Amino acid sequence: MSSNDKKQILKNLIKFNKSLKNIKNEISNLNFDSKFELYIITKNDIKQILNRALKENITFKELEEWANLIECRDDLGFEEEILQEIIFDFANPEINGLITKDKIKTALKELDMIT
């Protein structure tokens, strides 16, 4: 698989461009370990997904699964450290508390504070 193919699969994941089932199938073809970050997640990437959850275009469970697919991938980087913390928070509701609209709104406010 070419580097461009891998980047496209990761972009589909970050942008949540496909169903979770399709994304999981694509991701299963990639190794978790990578020497290089093939995609850098931006605050706008995360804001778009959180807003989709607020508007109920995706469920809170889908948001959790999406964050789980991102968490701990060596081939993904983060524009800011707080983005990685937000992903961890949403990927682990059993540790960090259930996903709620208020929790999403709080995360969006944190993202808005990044310059």
N, C-alpha and C. Protein backbone atom coordinates (compact mmCIF):
# COMPACT_ATOMS: atom_id res chain seq x y z
N MET A 1 0.85 -1.18 0.00
CA MET A 1 0.00 0.00 0.00
C MET A 1 0.89 1.25 0.00
N SER A 2 0.57 2.18 -0.85
CA SER A 2 1.39 3.39 -0.97
C SER A 2 1.15 4.33 0.21
N SER A 3 2.09 5.22 0.38
CA SER A 3 1.98 6.23 1.44
C SER A 3 0.75 7.11 1.23
N ASN A 4 0.45 7.42 -0.03
CA ASN A 4 -0.73 8.24 -0.33
C ASN A 4 -2.02 7.51 0.02
N ASP A 5 -2.05 6.19 -0.21
CA ASP A 5 -3.22 5.40 0.16
C ASP A 5 -3.42 5.43 1.67
N LYS A 6 -2.32 5.28 2.41
CA LYS A 6 -2.39 5.31 3.87
C LYS A 6 -2.88 6.67 4.36
N LYS A 7 -2.35 7.74 3.75
CA LYS A 7 -2.78 9.09 4.12
C LYS A 7 -4.27 9.28 3.87
N GLN A 8 -4.77 8.76 2.76
CA GLN A 8 -6.19 8.90 2.44
C GLN A 8 -7.05 8.15 3.45
N ILE A 9 -6.62 6.96 3.84
CA ILE A 9 -7.36 6.19 4.85
C ILE A 9 -7.41 6.96 6.16
N LEU A 10 -6.27 7.52 6.57
CA LEU A 10 -6.22 8.29 7.81
C LEU A 10 -7.08 9.55 7.70
N LYS A 11 -7.06 10.18 6.53
CA LYS A 11 -7.90 11.37 6.33
C LYS A 11 -9.38 11.00 6.43
N ASN A 12 -9.76 9.86 5.86
CA ASN A 12 -11.16 9.41 5.97
C ASN A 12 -11.54 9.19 7.43
N LEU A 13 -10.60 8.67 8.21
CA LEU A 13 -10.85 8.48 9.63
C LEU A 13 -11.04 9.83 10.33
N ILE A 14 -10.10 10.72 10.17
CA ILE A 14 -10.14 12.00 10.87
C ILE A 14 -11.37 12.81 10.46
N LYS A 15 -11.68 12.81 9.19
CA LYS A 15 -12.83 13.59 8.70
C LYS A 15 -14.15 12.85 8.91
N PHE A 16 -14.07 11.56 9.30
CA PHE A 16 -15.26 10.71 9.49
C PHE A 16 -16.11 10.77 8.22
N ASN A 17 -15.44 10.56 7.07
CA ASN A 17 -16.07 10.68 5.75
C ASN A 17 -16.90 9.47 5.35
N LYS A 18 -16.74 8.38 6.07
CA LYS A 18 -17.44 7.13 5.73
C LYS A 18 -18.09 6.58 6.99
N SER A 19 -18.82 5.49 6.82
CA SER A 19 -19.40 4.84 8.00
C SER A 19 -18.27 4.28 8.86
N LEU A 20 -18.54 4.14 10.15
CA LEU A 20 -17.53 3.56 11.05
C LEU A 20 -17.12 2.17 10.60
N LYS A 21 -18.07 1.40 10.10
CA LYS A 21 -17.76 0.05 9.62
C LYS A 21 -16.72 0.10 8.51
N ASN A 22 -16.94 0.98 7.53
CA ASN A 22 -15.99 1.12 6.42
C ASN A 22 -14.64 1.64 6.90
N ILE A 23 -14.68 2.61 7.81
CA ILE A 23 -13.43 3.17 8.33
C ILE A 23 -12.65 2.09 9.07
N LYS A 24 -13.34 1.31 9.90
CA LYS A 24 -12.67 0.22 10.64
C LYS A 24 -12.04 -0.79 9.68
N ASN A 25 -12.75 -1.12 8.61
CA ASN A 25 -12.20 -2.06 7.62
C ASN A 25 -10.93 -1.50 6.98
N GLU A 26 -10.96 -0.22 6.62
CA GLU A 26 -9.79 0.40 6.01
C GLU A 26 -8.62 0.46 7.00
N ILE A 27 -8.91 0.89 8.21
CA ILE A 27 -7.88 1.04 9.24
C ILE A 27 -7.24 -0.30 9.58
N SER A 28 -8.03 -1.37 9.50
CA SER A 28 -7.49 -2.70 9.84
C SER A 28 -6.35 -3.11 8.92
N ASN A 29 -6.24 -2.47 7.76
CA ASN A 29 -5.15 -2.77 6.83
C ASN A 29 -3.86 -2.01 7.15
N LEU A 30 -3.93 -1.10 8.14
CA LEU A 30 -2.77 -0.30 8.50
C LEU A 30 -2.18 -0.79 9.81
N ASN A 31 -0.87 -0.67 9.94
CA ASN A 31 -0.22 -0.95 11.22
C ASN A 31 -0.42 0.24 12.15
N PHE A 32 -0.47 -0.01 13.45
CA PHE A 32 -0.53 1.08 14.43
C PHE A 32 0.81 1.79 14.52
N ASP A 33 1.88 1.01 14.43
CA ASP A 33 3.22 1.56 14.57
C ASP A 33 3.66 2.22 13.27
N SER A 34 4.27 3.37 13.40
CA SER A 34 4.79 4.06 12.23
C SER A 34 5.97 4.92 12.67
N LYS A 35 6.94 5.03 11.79
CA LYS A 35 8.08 5.89 12.08
C LYS A 35 7.75 7.35 11.83
N PHE A 36 6.68 7.58 11.05
CA PHE A 36 6.34 8.93 10.64
C PHE A 36 4.86 9.21 10.91
N GLU A 37 4.58 10.46 11.21
CA GLU A 37 3.19 10.91 11.30
C GLU A 37 2.73 11.23 9.88
N LEU A 38 1.74 10.51 9.42
CA LEU A 38 1.26 10.69 8.05
C LEU A 38 0.16 11.73 7.94
N TYR A 39 -0.46 12.05 9.07
CA TYR A 39 -1.53 13.06 9.08
C TYR A 39 -1.47 13.79 10.42
N ILE A 40 -1.56 15.10 10.37
CA ILE A 40 -1.57 15.93 11.57
C ILE A 40 -3.01 16.40 11.81
N ILE A 41 -3.54 16.04 12.96
CA ILE A 41 -4.92 16.41 13.31
C ILE A 41 -4.92 17.86 13.80
N THR A 42 -5.83 18.65 13.24
CA THR A 42 -5.94 20.06 13.62
C THR A 42 -7.14 20.28 14.53
N LYS A 43 -7.18 21.44 15.15
CA LYS A 43 -8.33 21.75 16.00
C LYS A 43 -9.60 21.80 15.17
N ASN A 44 -9.51 22.26 13.94
CA ASN A 44 -10.70 22.30 13.09
C ASN A 44 -11.22 20.91 12.76
N ASP A 45 -10.31 19.94 12.61
CA ASP A 45 -10.74 18.56 12.38
C ASP A 45 -11.62 18.09 13.54
N ILE A 46 -11.14 18.31 14.75
CA ILE A 46 -11.87 17.85 15.93
C ILE A 46 -13.15 18.66 16.13
N LYS A 47 -13.08 19.97 15.91
CA LYS A 47 -14.28 20.81 16.06
C LYS A 47 -15.39 20.34 15.13
N GLN A 48 -15.04 19.99 13.91
CA GLN A 48 -16.07 19.54 12.95
C GLN A 48 -16.78 18.29 13.45
N ILE A 49 -16.02 17.35 14.00
CA ILE A 49 -16.64 16.10 14.48
C ILE A 49 -17.46 16.37 15.73
N LEU A 50 -16.95 17.18 16.64
CA LEU A 50 -17.71 17.49 17.86
C LEU A 50 -19.01 18.22 17.51
N ASN A 51 -18.95 19.10 16.55
CA ASN A 51 -20.18 19.80 16.12
C ASN A 51 -21.17 18.84 15.48
N ARG A 52 -20.67 17.86 14.76
CA ARG A 52 -21.57 16.85 14.18
C ARG A 52 -22.28 16.08 15.28
N ALA A 53 -21.56 15.78 16.36
CA ALA A 53 -22.17 15.07 17.49
C ALA A 53 -23.20 15.96 18.19
N LEU A 54 -22.88 17.25 18.34
CA LEU A 54 -23.84 18.18 18.96
C LEU A 54 -25.12 18.28 18.14
N LYS A 55 -24.98 18.29 16.83
CA LYS A 55 -26.14 18.39 15.93
C LYS A 55 -26.83 17.05 15.72
N GLU A 56 -26.30 16.01 16.40
CA GLU A 56 -26.84 14.65 16.33
C GLU A 56 -26.73 14.03 14.94
N ASN A 57 -25.72 14.47 14.18
CA ASN A 57 -25.42 13.83 12.90
C ASN A 57 -24.66 12.53 13.12
N ILE A 58 -23.98 12.43 14.26
CA ILE A 58 -23.38 11.18 14.72
C ILE A 58 -23.76 11.01 16.18
N THR A 59 -23.79 9.77 16.64
CA THR A 59 -24.17 9.50 18.03
C THR A 59 -22.95 9.67 18.95
N PHE A 60 -23.23 9.77 20.23
CA PHE A 60 -22.14 9.84 21.20
C PHE A 60 -21.30 8.56 21.17
N LYS A 61 -21.95 7.43 20.94
CA LYS A 61 -21.24 6.16 20.83
C LYS A 61 -20.31 6.18 19.61
N GLU A 62 -20.79 6.71 18.50
CA GLU A 62 -19.93 6.83 17.31
C GLU A 62 -18.76 7.77 17.58
N LEU A 63 -19.01 8.85 18.32
CA LEU A 63 -17.94 9.77 18.69
C LEU A 63 -16.88 9.04 19.51
N GLU A 64 -17.33 8.24 20.47
CA GLU A 64 -16.40 7.46 21.29
C GLU A 64 -15.59 6.49 20.43
N GLU A 65 -16.26 5.77 19.54
CA GLU A 65 -15.57 4.80 18.67
C GLU A 65 -14.58 5.50 17.75
N TRP A 66 -14.97 6.64 17.22
CA TRP A 66 -14.09 7.44 16.36
C TRP A 66 -12.83 7.82 17.12
N ALA A 67 -13.01 8.34 18.34
CA ALA A 67 -11.86 8.74 19.16
C ALA A 67 -10.98 7.53 19.48
N ASN A 68 -11.60 6.38 19.72
CA ASN A 68 -10.84 5.16 20.00
C ASN A 68 -9.98 4.74 18.81
N LEU A 69 -10.49 4.93 17.60
CA LEU A 69 -9.72 4.58 16.41
C LEU A 69 -8.49 5.49 16.24
N ILE A 70 -8.59 6.70 16.75
CA ILE A 70 -7.50 7.67 16.62
C ILE A 70 -6.46 7.50 17.72
N GLU A 71 -6.94 7.22 18.92
CA GLU A 71 -6.07 7.18 20.09
C GLU A 71 -4.91 6.18 19.90
N CYS A 72 -3.73 6.61 20.28
CA CYS A 72 -2.52 5.77 20.30
C CYS A 72 -1.97 5.39 18.93
N ARG A 73 -2.43 6.01 17.86
CA ARG A 73 -1.88 5.70 16.54
C ARG A 73 -0.59 6.50 16.35
N ASP A 74 0.49 5.82 16.03
CA ASP A 74 1.77 6.49 15.80
C ASP A 74 1.81 7.22 14.46
N ASP A 75 0.90 6.88 13.56
CA ASP A 75 0.91 7.52 12.24
C ASP A 75 0.07 8.80 12.22
N LEU A 76 -0.47 9.19 13.37
CA LEU A 76 -1.22 10.43 13.49
C LEU A 76 -0.51 11.37 14.46
N GLY A 77 -0.44 12.62 14.07
CA GLY A 77 0.12 13.64 14.96
C GLY A 77 -0.96 14.64 15.32
N PHE A 78 -0.63 15.52 16.25
CA PHE A 78 -1.59 16.51 16.71
C PHE A 78 -0.97 17.90 16.63
N GLU A 79 -1.74 18.83 16.10
CA GLU A 79 -1.32 20.22 15.97
C GLU A 79 -0.98 20.82 17.35
N GLU A 80 -1.76 20.44 18.35
CA GLU A 80 -1.58 20.91 19.72
C GLU A 80 -1.78 19.74 20.67
N GLU A 81 -1.09 19.74 21.81
CA GLU A 81 -1.21 18.65 22.77
C GLU A 81 -2.63 18.49 23.30
N ILE A 82 -3.34 19.59 23.46
CA ILE A 82 -4.70 19.52 23.99
C ILE A 82 -5.61 18.68 23.09
N LEU A 83 -5.32 18.62 21.82
CA LEU A 83 -6.12 17.81 20.90
C LEU A 83 -6.01 16.34 21.25
N GLN A 84 -4.81 15.91 21.59
CA GLN A 84 -4.60 14.52 22.00
C GLN A 84 -5.34 14.25 23.31
N GLU A 85 -5.35 15.22 24.21
CA GLU A 85 -6.07 15.07 25.48
C GLU A 85 -7.58 14.95 25.25
N ILE A 86 -8.10 15.72 24.32
CA ILE A 86 -9.53 15.67 24.01
C ILE A 86 -9.88 14.31 23.41
N ILE A 87 -9.05 13.82 22.51
CA ILE A 87 -9.29 12.49 21.94
C ILE A 87 -9.29 11.44 23.04
N PHE A 88 -8.31 11.49 23.93
CA PHE A 88 -8.25 10.54 25.05
C PHE A 88 -9.53 10.63 25.89
N ASP A 89 -9.96 11.83 26.16
CA ASP A 89 -11.15 12.06 26.98
C ASP A 89 -12.38 11.40 26.37
N PHE A 90 -12.59 11.60 25.08
CA PHE A 90 -13.78 11.05 24.42
C PHE A 90 -13.64 9.55 24.12
N ALA A 91 -12.42 9.07 24.01
CA ALA A 91 -12.20 7.64 23.74
C ALA A 91 -12.39 6.79 25.00
N ASN A 92 -12.38 7.42 26.16
CA ASN A 92 -12.40 6.68 27.42
C ASN A 92 -13.45 7.21 28.39
N PRO A 93 -14.73 7.12 28.04
CA PRO A 93 -15.76 7.65 28.94
C PRO A 93 -15.85 6.90 30.27
N GLU A 94 -15.39 5.64 30.29
CA GLU A 94 -15.42 4.89 31.55
C GLU A 94 -14.43 5.48 32.56
N ILE A 95 -13.41 6.16 32.08
CA ILE A 95 -12.42 6.81 32.94
C ILE A 95 -12.77 8.29 33.14
N ASN A 96 -13.17 8.95 32.06
CA ASN A 96 -13.32 10.41 32.05
C ASN A 96 -14.76 10.90 32.16
N GLY A 97 -15.70 10.01 32.29
CA GLY A 97 -17.10 10.41 32.39
C GLY A 97 -17.81 10.28 31.05
N LEU A 98 -19.10 10.08 31.14
CA LEU A 98 -19.92 9.89 29.95
C LEU A 98 -19.85 11.08 29.01
N ILE A 99 -20.03 10.81 27.75
CA ILE A 99 -20.09 11.88 26.76
C ILE A 99 -21.48 12.50 26.83
N THR A 100 -21.50 13.80 27.00
CA THR A 100 -22.75 14.56 27.05
C THR A 100 -22.60 15.79 26.17
N LYS A 101 -23.72 16.45 25.90
CA LYS A 101 -23.65 17.70 25.13
C LYS A 101 -22.81 18.74 25.87
N ASP A 102 -22.95 18.80 27.20
CA ASP A 102 -22.16 19.75 27.98
C ASP A 102 -20.67 19.47 27.86
N LYS A 103 -20.30 18.20 27.88
CA LYS A 103 -18.89 17.83 27.75
C LYS A 103 -18.36 18.24 26.38
N ILE A 104 -19.15 18.04 25.35
CA ILE A 104 -18.75 18.44 24.00
C ILE A 104 -18.61 19.96 23.92
N LYS A 105 -19.57 20.68 24.49
CA LYS A 105 -19.51 22.15 24.48
C LYS A 105 -18.27 22.65 25.21
N THR A 106 -17.93 22.01 26.33
CA THR A 106 -16.72 22.39 27.07
C THR A 106 -15.48 22.17 26.22
N ALA A 107 -15.41 21.05 25.53
CA ALA A 107 -14.27 20.76 24.65
C ALA A 107 -14.19 21.79 23.53
N LEU A 108 -15.32 22.15 22.97
CA LEU A 108 -15.33 23.15 21.90
C LEU A 108 -14.83 24.50 22.41
N LYS A 109 -15.20 24.87 23.63
CA LYS A 109 -14.71 26.12 24.22
C LYS A 109 -13.19 26.07 24.40
N GLU A 110 -12.69 24.91 24.85
CA GLU A 110 -11.24 24.75 24.99
C GLU A 110 -10.54 24.91 23.64
N LEU A 111 -11.14 24.34 22.61
CA LEU A 111 -10.56 24.45 21.27
C LEU A 111 -10.58 25.89 20.78
N ASP A 112 -11.62 26.62 21.10
CA ASP A 112 -11.71 28.02 20.67
C ASP A 112 -10.65 28.90 21.34
N MET A 113 -10.13 28.44 22.47
CA MET A 113 -9.11 29.21 23.17
C MET A 113 -7.72 29.04 22.56
N ILE A 114 -7.57 28.04 21.68
CA ILE A 114 -6.29 27.82 20.99
C ILE A 114 -6.15 28.87 19.89
N THR A 115 -5.01 29.54 19.87
CA THR A 115 -4.81 30.56 18.83
C THR A 115 -3.99 30.02 17.68
